[in-house]
Amino acid sequence: MPVLTDDEQATFLDERGILMRIAVVRADGAPLVTPIWFIHRDGAIYFTPREKSEWFACLRRDPRVSLCIDEQPHPYRKVIVDGKAELVHDIGNDDEWRDLYLDIAKRYVNDEGAEGYVRNTINEPRGLYRVVLEDAKVRSWRMPIEGEDPEGIWHKRYYGDPNIKFSA
């Protein structure tokens, strides 16, 4: 099963424009998945919920998260992170991390657009969370690339017993 090396994973997580889907747990136990912007820095994934977002309330109550960072084009790379989100800066401390907020925006829009986005949303309170990769369960996968064996691309648990014969 092809997985990303540490260098490939870091390169992938640093690519511009790739969204992350964050899964949190609602008060009733139901999952909530939201596509969001993020930044990979210093061995952690940083993201910023707005104060009134449902998923911010979920994180305040229960910090467990699953993060899915993947891409549509071949080789279909993905990184899945299961861990606990840590609140780095709460509401009202935006001035302390505004540069990081700008860096997050610059991953998705050009510099001028990012500056405008931050300027236009500066009065919308938000927090800053991170998931430290070293403290989380991190899995990666990708399709085989040219020159690699196309067989065995799935985890072994997905393959049936070759000795079992099925009749049509």
C-alpha atoms as a PDB file:
ATOM      1  CA  MET A   1       0.000   0.000   0.000  1.00  0.00           C
ATOM      2  CA  PRO A   2       1.704   3.242  -1.082  1.00  0.00           C
ATOM      3  CA  VAL A   3       2.106   5.761   1.719  1.00  0.00           C
ATOM      4  CA  LEU A   4       3.721   9.181   1.724  1.00  0.00           C
ATOM      5  CA  THR A   5       7.233   9.492   3.102  1.00  0.00           C
ATOM      6  CA  ASP A   6       7.705  12.152   5.778  1.00  0.00           C
ATOM      7  CA  ASP A   7       9.120  14.533   3.152  1.00  0.00           C
ATOM      8  CA  GLU A   8       6.289  13.793   0.688  1.00  0.00           C
ATOM      9  CA  GLN A   9       3.741  14.324   3.443  1.00  0.00           C
ATOM     10  CA  ALA A  10       5.248  17.680   4.464  1.00  0.00           C
ATOM     11  CA  THR A  11       5.409  18.795   0.826  1.00  0.00           C
ATOM     12  CA  PHE A  12       1.774  17.796   0.280  1.00  0.00           C
ATOM     13  CA  LEU A  13       0.577  19.540   3.459  1.00  0.00           C
ATOM     14  CA  ASP A  14       2.396  22.708   2.398  1.00  0.00           C
ATOM     15  CA  GLU A  15       0.845  22.869  -1.091  1.00  0.00           C
ATOM     16  CA  ARG A  16      -1.381  25.840  -1.753  1.00  0.00           C
ATOM     17  CA  GLY A  17      -5.105  25.492  -2.230  1.00  0.00           C
ATOM     18  CA  ILE A  18      -5.741  22.084  -0.679  1.00  0.00           C
ATOM     19  CA  LEU A  19      -8.723  22.165   1.659  1.00  0.00           C
ATOM     20  CA  MET A  20      -9.012  20.211   4.868  1.00  0.00           C
ATOM     21  CA  ARG A  21     -12.170  18.569   6.108  1.00  0.00           C
ATOM     22  CA  ILE A  22     -12.505  18.601   9.871  1.00  0.00           C
ATOM     23  CA  ALA A  23     -14.795  16.144  11.618  1.00  0.00           C
ATOM     24  CA  VAL A  24     -15.976  17.022  15.118  1.00  0.00           C
ATOM     25  CA  VAL A  25     -18.571  15.544  17.467  1.00  0.00           C
ATOM     26  CA  ARG A  26     -21.872  17.324  18.081  1.00  0.00           C
ATOM     27  CA  ALA A  27     -23.443  17.355  21.550  1.00  0.00           C
ATOM     28  CA  ASP A  28     -25.830  14.548  20.513  1.00  0.00           C
ATOM     29  CA  GLY A  29     -22.892  12.415  19.332  1.00  0.00           C
ATOM     30  CA  ALA A  30     -23.520  12.970  15.630  1.00  0.00           C
ATOM     31  CA  PRO A  31     -20.535  13.824  13.426  1.00  0.00           C
ATOM     32  CA  LEU A  32     -20.114  17.221  11.784  1.00  0.00           C
ATOM     33  CA  VAL A  33     -17.722  17.582   8.829  1.00  0.00           C
ATOM     34  CA  THR A  34     -16.693  21.011   7.554  1.00  0.00           C
ATOM     35  CA  PRO A  35     -14.262  21.930   4.734  1.00  0.00           C
ATOM     36  CA  ILE A  36     -11.865  24.637   5.942  1.00  0.00           C
ATOM     37  CA  TRP A  37      -8.581  26.419   5.284  1.00  0.00           C
ATOM     38  CA  PHE A  38      -5.507  25.330   7.240  1.00  0.00           C
ATOM     39  CA  ILE A  39      -1.767  25.730   7.444  1.00  0.00           C
ATOM     40  CA  HIS A  40       0.911  23.154   8.243  1.00  0.00           C
ATOM     41  CA  ARG A  41       3.632  24.667  10.392  1.00  0.00           C
ATOM     42  CA  ASP A  42       6.107  23.453  13.025  1.00  0.00           C
ATOM     43  CA  GLY A  43       4.800  19.889  12.986  1.00  0.00           C
ATOM     44  CA  ALA A  44       1.176  20.886  13.504  1.00  0.00           C
ATOM     45  CA  ILE A  45      -1.977  21.650  11.542  1.00  0.00           C
ATOM     46  CA  TYR A  46      -3.426  25.086  12.430  1.00  0.00           C
ATOM     47  CA  PHE A  47      -6.976  26.218  11.680  1.00  0.00           C
ATOM     48  CA  THR A  48      -9.301  28.945  12.774  1.00  0.00           C
ATOM     49  CA  PRO A  49     -13.025  28.656  13.500  1.00  0.00           C
ATOM     50  CA  ARG A  50     -15.236  31.710  13.724  1.00  0.00           C
ATOM     51  CA  GLU A  51     -16.848  32.291  17.093  1.00  0.00           C
ATOM     52  CA  LYS A  52     -20.379  31.537  15.921  1.00  0.00           C
ATOM     53  CA  SER A  53     -19.548  28.432  13.878  1.00  0.00           C
ATOM     54  CA  GLU A  54     -21.143  25.188  15.020  1.00  0.00           C
ATOM     55  CA  TRP A  55     -17.856  23.336  14.841  1.00  0.00           C
ATOM     56  CA  PHE A  56     -16.170  25.845  17.197  1.00  0.00           C
ATOM     57  CA  ALA A  57     -18.825  25.048  19.824  1.00  0.00           C
ATOM     58  CA  CYS A  58     -18.208  21.354  19.216  1.00  0.00           C
ATOM     59  CA  LEU A  59     -14.448  21.775  19.727  1.00  0.00           C
ATOM     60  CA  ARG A  60     -14.980  23.690  22.969  1.00  0.00           C
ATOM     61  CA  ARG A  61     -17.042  20.789  24.294  1.00  0.00           C
ATOM     62  CA  ASP A  62     -14.984  17.920  22.860  1.00  0.00           C
ATOM     63  CA  PRO A  63     -11.518  18.457  21.313  1.00  0.00           C
ATOM     64  CA  ARG A  64     -11.440  15.138  19.428  1.00  0.00           C
ATOM     65  CA  VAL A  65     -11.083  15.624  15.677  1.00  0.00           C
ATOM     66  CA  SER A  66     -10.448  13.765  12.477  1.00  0.00           C
ATOM     67  CA  LEU A  67      -8.794  15.759   9.720  1.00  0.00           C
ATOM     68  CA  CYS A  68      -8.912  14.696   6.088  1.00  0.00           C
ATOM     69  CA  ILE A  69      -6.544  16.474   3.736  1.00  0.00           C
ATOM     70  CA  ASP A  70      -6.770  15.096   0.222  1.00  0.00           C
ATOM     71  CA  GLU A  71      -6.678  16.011  -3.433  1.00  0.00           C
ATOM     72  CA  GLN A  72      -8.753  15.298  -6.517  1.00  0.00           C
ATOM     73  CA  PRO A  73      -6.050  14.818  -9.204  1.00  0.00           C
ATOM     74  CA  HIS A  74      -3.781  11.786  -9.496  1.00  0.00           C
ATOM     75  CA  PRO A  75      -1.942  10.469  -7.467  1.00  0.00           C
ATOM     76  CA  TYR A  76      -4.872  11.030  -5.066  1.00  0.00           C
ATOM     77  CA  ARG A  77      -2.730  11.769  -2.046  1.00  0.00           C
ATOM     78  CA  LYS A  78      -4.375  11.942   1.333  1.00  0.00           C
ATOM     79  CA  VAL A  79      -3.391  12.456   4.938  1.00  0.00           C
ATOM     80  CA  ILE A  80      -5.805  11.482   7.705  1.00  0.00           C
ATOM     81  CA  VAL A  81      -5.160  12.764  11.227  1.00  0.00           C
ATOM     82  CA  ASP A  82      -7.019  11.611  14.332  1.00  0.00           C
ATOM     83  CA  GLY A  83      -6.207  13.575  17.451  1.00  0.00           C
ATOM     84  CA  LYS A  84      -7.145  16.320  19.863  1.00  0.00           C
ATOM     85  CA  ALA A  85      -7.372  19.949  18.854  1.00  0.00           C
ATOM     86  CA  GLU A  86      -5.655  22.380  21.193  1.00  0.00           C
ATOM     87  CA  LEU A  87      -6.964  25.939  21.536  1.00  0.00           C
ATOM     88  CA  VAL A  88      -3.846  28.067  21.036  1.00  0.00           C
ATOM     89  CA  HIS A  89      -5.565  31.491  21.044  1.00  0.00           C
ATOM     90  CA  ASP A  90      -9.122  32.085  22.191  1.00  0.00           C
ATOM     91  CA  ILE A  91     -11.545  34.757  21.026  1.00  0.00           C
ATOM     92  CA  GLY A  92     -10.215  38.268  21.551  1.00  0.00           C
ATOM     93  CA  ASN A  93      -6.548  37.416  21.048  1.00  0.00           C
ATOM     94  CA  ASP A  94      -6.530  37.830  17.260  1.00  0.00           C
ATOM     95  CA  ASP A  95      -3.799  40.486  17.354  1.00  0.00           C
ATOM     96  CA  GLU A  96      -1.372  37.891  18.708  1.00  0.00           C
ATOM     97  CA  TRP A  97      -1.707  35.634  15.671  1.00  0.00           C
ATOM     98  CA  ARG A  98      -2.939  37.860  12.838  1.00  0.00           C
ATOM     99  CA  ASP A  99       0.237  37.172  10.811  1.00  0.00           C
ATOM    100  CA  LEU A 100      -0.537  33.445  10.895  1.00  0.00           C
ATOM    101  CA  TYR A 101      -4.136  34.189   9.892  1.00  0.00           C
ATOM    102  CA  LEU A 102      -2.777  36.115   6.897  1.00  0.00           C
ATOM    103  CA  ASP A 103      -0.447  33.224   6.033  1.00  0.00           C
ATOM    104  CA  ILE A 104      -3.415  30.832   6.106  1.00  0.00           C
ATOM    105  CA  ALA A 105      -5.368  33.086   3.727  1.00  0.00           C
ATOM    106  CA  LYS A 106      -2.354  33.351   1.391  1.00  0.00           C
ATOM    107  CA  ARG A 107      -2.454  29.567   0.899  1.00  0.00           C
ATOM    108  CA  TYR A 108      -5.807  29.997  -0.854  1.00  0.00           C
ATOM    109  CA  VAL A 109      -5.795  33.417  -2.526  1.00  0.00           C
ATOM    110  CA  ASN A 110      -3.142  35.790  -3.840  1.00  0.00           C
ATOM    111  CA  ASP A 111      -1.414  38.210  -1.452  1.00  0.00           C
ATOM    112  CA  GLU A 112      -3.693  41.138  -2.249  1.00  0.00           C
ATOM    113  CA  GLY A 113      -6.809  39.002  -1.888  1.00  0.00           C
ATOM    114  CA  ALA A 114      -5.549  37.532   1.385  1.00  0.00           C
ATOM    115  CA  GLU A 115      -4.861  40.980   2.832  1.00  0.00           C
ATOM    116  CA  GLY A 116      -8.339  42.097   1.777  1.00  0.00           C
ATOM    117  CA  TYR A 117      -9.904  38.981   3.275  1.00  0.00           C
ATOM    118  CA  VAL A 118      -8.175  39.534   6.629  1.00  0.00           C
ATOM    119  CA  ARG A 119      -9.042  43.242   6.589  1.00  0.00           C
ATOM    120  CA  ASN A 120     -12.708  42.536   5.751  1.00  0.00           C
ATOM    121  CA  THR A 121     -13.109  39.847   8.415  1.00  0.00           C
ATOM    122  CA  ILE A 122     -10.969  41.370  11.164  1.00  0.00           C
ATOM    123  CA  ASN A 123     -13.990  42.172  13.325  1.00  0.00           C
ATOM    124  CA  GLU A 124     -15.331  38.626  13.220  1.00  0.00           C
ATOM    125  CA  PRO A 125     -14.013  36.947  16.377  1.00  0.00           C
ATOM    126  CA  ARG A 126     -12.283  33.629  15.890  1.00  0.00           C
ATOM    127  CA  GLY A 127     -10.024  31.246  17.720  1.00  0.00           C
ATOM    128  CA  LEU A 128      -6.864  29.475  16.649  1.00  0.00           C
ATOM    129  CA  TYR A 129      -6.546  25.719  17.090  1.00  0.00           C
ATOM    130  CA  ARG A 130      -3.838  23.245  16.261  1.00  0.00           C
ATOM    131  CA  VAL A 131      -3.371  19.512  16.134  1.00  0.00           C
ATOM    132  CA  VAL A 132       0.219  18.479  16.843  1.00  0.00           C
ATOM    133  CA  LEU A 133       1.012  15.666  14.420  1.00  0.00           C
ATOM    134  CA  GLU A 134       3.458  13.955  16.782  1.00  0.00           C
ATOM    135  CA  ASP A 135       0.636  13.564  19.326  1.00  0.00           C
ATOM    136  CA  ALA A 136      -1.926  12.286  16.808  1.00  0.00           C
ATOM    137  CA  LYS A 137      -2.522   9.182  14.724  1.00  0.00           C
ATOM    138  CA  VAL A 138      -1.446  10.115  11.197  1.00  0.00           C
ATOM    139  CA  ARG A 139      -2.060   7.931   8.155  1.00  0.00           C
ATOM    140  CA  SER A 140      -1.320   8.653   4.510  1.00  0.00           C
ATOM    141  CA  TRP A 141      -1.980   7.028   1.182  1.00  0.00           C
ATOM    142  CA  ARG A 142      -1.566   7.672  -2.518  1.00  0.00           C
ATOM    143  CA  MET A 143      -2.064   5.833  -5.750  1.00  0.00           C
ATOM    144  CA  PRO A 144       1.024   4.186  -7.207  1.00  0.00           C
ATOM    145  CA  ILE A 145       3.051   6.462  -9.422  1.00  0.00           C
ATOM    146  CA  GLU A 146       4.794   5.530 -12.648  1.00  0.00           C
ATOM    147  CA  GLY A 147       7.210   2.670 -12.145  1.00  0.00           C
ATOM    148  CA  GLU A 148       5.505   1.359  -8.992  1.00  0.00           C
ATOM    149  CA  ASP A 149       3.578  -1.903  -8.769  1.00  0.00           C
ATOM    150  CA  PRO A 150      -0.129  -1.125  -9.301  1.00  0.00           C
ATOM    151  CA  GLU A 151      -1.085  -4.223  -7.296  1.00  0.00           C
ATOM    152  CA  GLY A 152      -1.633  -4.044  -3.570  1.00  0.00           C
ATOM    153  CA  ILE A 153      -2.754  -0.428  -3.448  1.00  0.00           C
ATOM    154  CA  TRP A 154      -5.232  -1.085  -0.643  1.00  0.00           C
ATOM    155  CA  HIS A 155      -4.591  -2.048   2.946  1.00  0.00           C
ATOM    156  CA  LYS A 156      -4.325  -5.831   3.344  1.00  0.00           C
ATOM    157  CA  ARG A 157      -7.607  -5.949   5.294  1.00  0.00           C
ATOM    158  CA  TYR A 158      -9.500  -5.064   2.103  1.00  0.00           C
ATOM    159  CA  TYR A 159      -8.336  -8.129   0.199  1.00  0.00           C
ATOM    160  CA  GLY A 160     -10.281 -11.342   0.556  1.00  0.00           C
ATOM    161  CA  ASP A 161      -8.812 -14.765   1.140  1.00  0.00           C
ATOM    162  CA  PRO A 162      -7.501 -15.951  -2.271  1.00  0.00           C
ATOM    163  CA  ASN A 163      -8.347 -19.541  -1.285  1.00  0.00           C
ATOM    164  CA  ILE A 164     -12.067 -18.834  -1.092  1.00  0.00           C
ATOM    165  CA  LYS A 165     -13.799 -19.447  -4.400  1.00  0.00           C
ATOM    166  CA  PHE A 166     -17.095 -17.795  -5.266  1.00  0.00           C
ATOM    167  CA  SER A 167     -19.468 -19.252  -7.788  1.00  0.00           C
ATOM    168  CA  ALA A 168     -21.483 -17.139 -10.175  1.00  0.00           C
END
